């Protein structure tokens, strides 16, 4: 799945980043360069997909053991 970052900039200059298409810690790895360039992260909220296991490339047979 393609990963995307959606930037939302409020009138007072606050910037929100939302990652689409990432599983687990991929989202933090994906946004790290942007966070470093933009400054201190004040709030971090994880979606359910952060806690999901990445199963891409694993066949159904391997998952069932």
PDB file of N, CA and C in Angstrom:
ATOM      1  N   UNK A   1       0.836  -1.175   0.000  1.00  0.00           N
ATOM      2  CA  UNK A   1       0.000   0.000   0.000  1.00  0.00           C
ATOM      3  C   UNK A   1       0.888   1.248   0.000  1.00  0.00           C
ATOM      4  N   UNK A   2       0.472   2.260  -0.713  1.00  0.00           N
ATOM      5  CA  UNK A   2       1.215   3.510  -0.797  1.00  0.00           C
ATOM      6  C   UNK A   2       1.026   4.309   0.486  1.00  0.00           C
ATOM      7  N   UNK A   3       2.121   4.823   1.005  1.00  0.00           N
ATOM      8  CA  UNK A   3       2.052   5.660   2.203  1.00  0.00           C
ATOM      9  C   UNK A   3       1.930   7.114   1.780  1.00  0.00           C
ATOM     10  N   UNK A   4       1.093   7.874   2.503  1.00  0.00           N
ATOM     11  CA  UNK A   4       0.894   9.291   2.229  1.00  0.00           C
ATOM     12  C   UNK A   4       0.891  10.051   3.543  1.00  0.00           C
ATOM     13  N   UNK A   5       1.311  11.303   3.483  1.00  0.00           N
ATOM     14  CA  UNK A   5       1.213  12.194   4.626  1.00  0.00           C
ATOM     15  C   UNK A   5       0.279  13.334   4.243  1.00  0.00           C
ATOM     16  N   UNK A   6      -0.693  13.591   5.097  1.00  0.00           N
ATOM     17  CA  UNK A   6      -1.599  14.716   4.914  1.00  0.00           C
ATOM     18  C   UNK A   6      -1.179  15.781   5.925  1.00  0.00           C
ATOM     19  N   UNK A   7      -0.849  16.965   5.425  1.00  0.00           N
ATOM     20  CA  UNK A   7      -0.472  18.091   6.277  1.00  0.00           C
ATOM     21  C   UNK A   7      -1.685  19.001   6.442  1.00  0.00           C
ATOM     22  N   UNK A   8      -1.967  19.370   7.686  1.00  0.00           N
ATOM     23  CA  UNK A   8      -3.030  20.337   7.977  1.00  0.00           C
ATOM     24  C   UNK A   8      -2.385  21.472   8.769  1.00  0.00           C
ATOM     25  N   UNK A   9      -2.450  22.673   8.215  1.00  0.00           N
ATOM     26  CA  UNK A   9      -1.826  23.829   8.859  1.00  0.00           C
ATOM     27  C   UNK A   9      -2.936  24.781   9.283  1.00  0.00           C
ATOM     28  N   UNK A  10      -2.995  25.041  10.587  1.00  0.00           N
ATOM     29  CA  UNK A  10      -4.032  25.923  11.113  1.00  0.00           C
ATOM     30  C   UNK A  10      -3.637  27.381  10.910  1.00  0.00           C
ATOM     31  N   UNK A  11      -4.598  28.294  11.017  1.00  0.00           N
ATOM     32  CA  UNK A  11      -4.290  29.720  10.855  1.00  0.00           C
ATOM     33  C   UNK A  11      -3.240  30.238  11.844  1.00  0.00           C
ATOM     34  N   UNK A  12      -3.143  29.604  13.019  1.00  0.00           N
ATOM     35  CA  UNK A  12      -2.146  30.061  13.998  1.00  0.00           C
ATOM     36  C   UNK A  12      -0.787  29.380  13.824  1.00  0.00           C
ATOM     37  N   UNK A  13      -0.644  28.557  12.773  1.00  0.00           N
ATOM     38  CA  UNK A  13       0.649  27.963  12.444  1.00  0.00           C
ATOM     39  C   UNK A  13       0.889  26.559  12.962  1.00  0.00           C
ATOM     40  N   UNK A  14      -0.063  25.996  13.702  1.00  0.00           N
ATOM     41  CA  UNK A  14       0.089  24.612  14.150  1.00  0.00           C
ATOM     42  C   UNK A  14      -0.011  23.680  12.952  1.00  0.00           C
ATOM     43  N   UNK A  15       0.816  22.655  12.942  1.00  0.00           N
ATOM     44  CA  UNK A  15       0.845  21.712  11.821  1.00  0.00           C
ATOM     45  C   UNK A  15       0.495  20.322  12.326  1.00  0.00           C
ATOM     46  N   UNK A  16      -0.494  19.706  11.697  1.00  0.00           N
ATOM     47  CA  UNK A  16      -0.869  18.320  11.989  1.00  0.00           C
ATOM     48  C   UNK A  16      -0.440  17.461  10.814  1.00  0.00           C
ATOM     49  N   UNK A  17       0.150  16.312  11.129  1.00  0.00           N
ATOM     50  CA  UNK A  17       0.505  15.334  10.113  1.00  0.00           C
ATOM     51  C   UNK A  17      -0.348  14.101  10.334  1.00  0.00           C
ATOM     52  N   UNK A  18      -0.920  13.582   9.268  1.00  0.00           N
ATOM     53  CA  UNK A  18      -1.664  12.324   9.331  1.00  0.00           C
ATOM     54  C   UNK A  18      -1.069  11.385   8.299  1.00  0.00           C
ATOM     55  N   UNK A  19      -0.724  10.192   8.745  1.00  0.00           N
ATOM     56  CA  UNK A  19      -0.132   9.208   7.842  1.00  0.00           C
ATOM     57  C   UNK A  19      -1.204   8.222   7.411  1.00  0.00           C
ATOM     58  N   UNK A  20      -1.269   7.981   6.114  1.00  0.00           N
ATOM     59  CA  UNK A  20      -2.202   7.013   5.547  1.00  0.00           C
ATOM     60  C   UNK A  20      -1.399   5.886   4.908  1.00  0.00           C
ATOM     61  N   UNK A  21      -1.820   4.657   5.122  1.00  0.00           N
ATOM     62  CA  UNK A  21      -1.191   3.518   4.465  1.00  0.00           C
ATOM     63  C   UNK A  21      -0.003   2.925   5.195  1.00  0.00           C
ATOM     64  N   UNK A  22       0.208   3.299   6.445  1.00  0.00           N
ATOM     65  CA  UNK A  22       1.330   2.752   7.211  1.00  0.00           C
ATOM     66  C   UNK A  22       0.814   1.825   8.299  1.00  0.00           C
ATOM     67  N   UNK A  23       1.623   0.823   8.638  1.00  0.00           N
ATOM     68  CA  UNK A  23       1.274  -0.133   9.682  1.00  0.00           C
ATOM     69  C   UNK A  23       2.399  -0.151  10.708  1.00  0.00           C
ATOM     70  N   UNK A  24       2.038  -0.220  11.968  1.00  0.00           N
ATOM     71  CA  UNK A  24       3.045  -0.284  13.031  1.00  0.00           C
ATOM     72  C   UNK A  24       3.850   1.006  13.103  1.00  0.00           C
ATOM     73  N   UNK A  25       5.131   0.861  13.369  1.00  0.00           N
ATOM     74  CA  UNK A  25       5.987   2.029  13.541  1.00  0.00           C
ATOM     75  C   UNK A  25       6.422   2.669  12.227  1.00  0.00           C
ATOM     76  N   UNK A  26       5.944   2.140  11.095  1.00  0.00           N
ATOM     77  CA  UNK A  26       6.261   2.746   9.798  1.00  0.00           C
ATOM     78  C   UNK A  26       5.887   4.224   9.779  1.00  0.00           C
ATOM     79  N   UNK A  27       4.787   4.574  10.442  1.00  0.00           N
ATOM     80  CA  UNK A  27       4.327   5.962  10.409  1.00  0.00           C
ATOM     81  C   UNK A  27       5.353   6.893  11.045  1.00  0.00           C
ATOM     82  N   UNK A  28       5.928   6.491  12.165  1.00  0.00           N
ATOM     83  CA  UNK A  28       6.933   7.330  12.828  1.00  0.00           C
ATOM     84  C   UNK A  28       8.211   7.416  12.008  1.00  0.00           C
ATOM     85  N   UNK A  29       8.599   6.319  11.391  1.00  0.00           N
ATOM     86  CA  UNK A  29       9.786   6.336  10.526  1.00  0.00           C
ATOM     87  C   UNK A  29       9.549   7.238   9.315  1.00  0.00           C
ATOM     88  N   UNK A  30       8.336   7.196   8.787  1.00  0.00           N
ATOM     89  CA  UNK A  30       7.976   7.951   7.593  1.00  0.00           C
ATOM     90  C   UNK A  30       7.926   9.461   7.860  1.00  0.00           C
ATOM     91  N   UNK A  31       7.472   9.861   9.046  1.00  0.00           N
ATOM     92  CA  UNK A  31       7.332  11.282   9.362  1.00  0.00           C
ATOM     93  C   UNK A  31       8.571  11.882  10.021  1.00  0.00           C
ATOM     94  N   UNK A  32       9.518  11.073  10.434  1.00  0.00           N
ATOM     95  CA  UNK A  32      10.691  11.565  11.162  1.00  0.00           C
ATOM     96  C   UNK A  32      11.407  12.733  10.474  1.00  0.00           C
ATOM     97  N   UNK A  33      11.692  12.676   9.181  1.00  0.00           N
ATOM     98  CA  UNK A  33      12.379  13.818   8.551  1.00  0.00           C
ATOM     99  C   UNK A  33      11.555  15.110   8.602  1.00  0.00           C
ATOM    100  N   UNK A  34      10.238  14.984   8.454  1.00  0.00           N
ATOM    101  CA  UNK A  34       9.372  16.160   8.503  1.00  0.00           C
ATOM    102  C   UNK A  34       9.320  16.731   9.919  1.00  0.00           C
ATOM    103  N   UNK A  35       9.221  15.843  10.916  1.00  0.00           N
ATOM    104  CA  UNK A  35       9.194  16.289  12.300  1.00  0.00           C
ATOM    105  C   UNK A  35      10.498  16.996  12.667  1.00  0.00           C
ATOM    106  N   UNK A  36      11.622  16.483  12.204  1.00  0.00           N
ATOM    107  CA  UNK A  36      12.913  17.099  12.481  1.00  0.00           C
ATOM    108  C   UNK A  36      12.997  18.496  11.860  1.00  0.00           C
ATOM    109  N   UNK A  37      12.449  18.648  10.672  1.00  0.00           N
ATOM    110  CA  UNK A  37      12.501  19.933   9.981  1.00  0.00           C
ATOM    111  C   UNK A  37      11.506  20.942  10.561  1.00  0.00           C
ATOM    112  N   UNK A  38      10.353  20.445  11.038  1.00  0.00           N
ATOM    113  CA  UNK A  38       9.296  21.346  11.505  1.00  0.00           C
ATOM    114  C   UNK A  38       9.436  21.742  12.966  1.00  0.00           C
ATOM    115  N   UNK A  39      10.130  20.950  13.755  1.00  0.00           N
ATOM    116  CA  UNK A  39      10.313  21.300  15.161  1.00  0.00           C
ATOM    117  C   UNK A  39       9.703  20.288  16.103  1.00  0.00           C
ATOM    118  N   UNK A  40       9.550  20.698  17.339  1.00  0.00           N
ATOM    119  CA  UNK A  40       9.115  19.822  18.429  1.00  0.00           C
ATOM    120  C   UNK A  40       7.700  19.270  18.208  1.00  0.00           C
ATOM    121  N   UNK A  41       7.547  17.975  18.450  1.00  0.00           N
ATOM    122  CA  UNK A  41       6.237  17.326  18.402  1.00  0.00           C
ATOM    123  C   UNK A  41       5.579  17.542  19.759  1.00  0.00           C
ATOM    124  N   UNK A  42       4.401  18.162  19.759  1.00  0.00           N
ATOM    125  CA  UNK A  42       3.716  18.440  21.027  1.00  0.00           C
ATOM    126  C   UNK A  42       2.691  17.383  21.378  1.00  0.00           C
ATOM    127  N   UNK A  43       2.087  16.763  20.378  1.00  0.00           N
ATOM    128  CA  UNK A  43       1.088  15.715  20.606  1.00  0.00           C
ATOM    129  C   UNK A  43       1.272  14.643  19.544  1.00  0.00           C
ATOM    130  N   UNK A  44       1.225  13.384  19.982  1.00  0.00           N
ATOM    131  CA  UNK A  44       1.300  12.272  19.036  1.00  0.00           C
ATOM    132  C   UNK A  44       0.144  11.328  19.350  1.00  0.00           C
ATOM    133  N   UNK A  45      -0.703  11.096  18.356  1.00  0.00           N
ATOM    134  CA  UNK A  45      -1.823  10.176  18.513  1.00  0.00           C
ATOM    135  C   UNK A  45      -1.647   9.039  17.526  1.00  0.00           C
ATOM    136  N   UNK A  46      -1.775   7.810  18.007  1.00  0.00           N
ATOM    137  CA  UNK A  46      -1.637   6.645  17.139  1.00  0.00           C
ATOM    138  C   UNK A  46      -3.010   6.110  16.766  1.00  0.00           C
ATOM    139  N   UNK A  47      -3.129   5.716  15.510  1.00  0.00           N
ATOM    140  CA  UNK A  47      -4.346   5.065  15.028  1.00  0.00           C
ATOM    141  C   UNK A  47      -4.269   3.581  15.372  1.00  0.00           C
ATOM    142  N   UNK A  48      -5.359   2.869  15.157  1.00  0.00           N
ATOM    143  CA  UNK A  48      -5.389   1.425  15.401  1.00  0.00           C
ATOM    144  C   UNK A  48      -4.334   0.697  14.577  1.00  0.00           C
ATOM    145  N   UNK A  49      -4.046   1.210  13.376  1.00  0.00           N
ATOM    146  CA  UNK A  49      -3.070   0.546  12.514  1.00  0.00           C
ATOM    147  C   UNK A  49      -1.662   0.579  13.099  1.00  0.00           C
ATOM    148  N   UNK A  50      -1.398   1.473  14.038  1.00  0.00           N
ATOM    149  CA  UNK A  50      -0.093   1.508  14.697  1.00  0.00           C
ATOM    150  C   UNK A  50       0.126   0.215  15.491  1.00  0.00           C
ATOM    151  N   UNK A  51      -0.945  -0.299  16.053  1.00  0.00           N
ATOM    152  CA  UNK A  51      -0.860  -1.491  16.903  1.00  0.00           C
ATOM    153  C   UNK A  51      -1.054  -2.792  16.125  1.00  0.00           C
ATOM    154  N   UNK A  52      -1.341  -2.676  14.826  1.00  0.00           N
ATOM    155  CA  UNK A  52      -1.535  -3.855  13.982  1.00  0.00           C
ATOM    156  C   UNK A  52      -0.188  -4.414  13.562  1.00  0.00           C
ATOM    157  N   UNK A  53      -0.158  -5.697  13.304  1.00  0.00           N
ATOM    158  CA  UNK A  53       1.057  -6.334  12.816  1.00  0.00           C
ATOM    159  C   UNK A  53       1.087  -6.277  11.307  1.00  0.00           C
ATOM    160  N   UNK A  54       2.245  -6.030  10.768  1.00  0.00           N
ATOM    161  CA  UNK A  54       2.397  -5.995   9.321  1.00  0.00           C
ATOM    162  C   UNK A  54       2.424  -7.418   8.803  1.00  0.00           C
ATOM    163  N   UNK A  55       1.497  -7.756   7.879  1.00  0.00           N
ATOM    164  CA  UNK A  55       1.418  -9.112   7.343  1.00  0.00           C
ATOM    165  C   UNK A  55       1.673  -9.135   5.851  1.00  0.00           C
ATOM    166  N   UNK A  56       2.084  -8.026   5.282  1.00  0.00           N
ATOM    167  CA  UNK A  56       2.348  -7.958   3.840  1.00  0.00           C
ATOM    168  C   UNK A  56       3.424  -8.964   3.462  1.00  0.00           C
ATOM    169  N   UNK A  57       3.174  -9.729   2.439  1.00  0.00           N
ATOM    170  CA  UNK A  57       4.155 -10.697   1.971  1.00  0.00           C
ATOM    171  C   UNK A  57       4.086 -12.040   2.688  1.00  0.00           C
ATOM    172  N   UNK A  58       3.181 -12.196   3.636  1.00  0.00           N
ATOM    173  CA  UNK A  58       3.019 -13.460   4.345  1.00  0.00           C
ATOM    174  C   UNK A  58       1.795 -14.159   3.787  1.00  0.00           C
ATOM    175  N   UNK A  59       1.958 -15.390   3.352  1.00  0.00           N
ATOM    176  CA  UNK A  59       0.835 -16.112   2.768  1.00  0.00           C
ATOM    177  C   UNK A  59      -0.117 -16.594   3.855  1.00  0.00           C
ATOM    178  N   UNK A  60      -1.338 -16.892   3.459  1.00  0.00           N
ATOM    179  CA  UNK A  60      -2.349 -17.390   4.382  1.00  0.00           C
ATOM    180  C   UNK A  60      -1.864 -18.689   5.039  1.00  0.00           C
ATOM    181  N   UNK A  61      -1.177 -19.530   4.277  1.00  0.00           N
ATOM    182  CA  UNK A  61      -0.672 -20.796   4.800  1.00  0.00           C
ATOM    183  C   UNK A  61       0.338 -20.568   5.916  1.00  0.00           C
ATOM    184  N   UNK A  62       1.233 -19.583   5.754  1.00  0.00           N
ATOM    185  CA  UNK A  62       2.220 -19.286   6.773  1.00  0.00           C
ATOM    186  C   UNK A  62       1.557 -18.749   8.030  1.00  0.00           C
ATOM    187  N   UNK A  63       0.497 -17.936   7.880  1.00  0.00           N
ATOM    188  CA  UNK A  63      -0.187 -17.370   9.026  1.00  0.00           C
ATOM    189  C   UNK A  63      -0.883 -18.455   9.850  1.00  0.00           C
ATOM    190  N   UNK A  64      -1.417 -19.475   9.175  1.00  0.00           N
ATOM    191  CA  UNK A  64      -2.148 -20.528   9.877  1.00  0.00           C
ATOM    192  C   UNK A  64      -1.224 -21.615  10.428  1.00  0.00           C
ATOM    193  N   UNK A  65       0.041 -21.541  10.115  1.00  0.00           N
ATOM    194  CA  UNK A  65       1.020 -22.439  10.677  1.00  0.00           C
ATOM    195  C   UNK A  65       1.046 -23.771  10.072  1.00  0.00           C
TER     196      UNK A  65
END
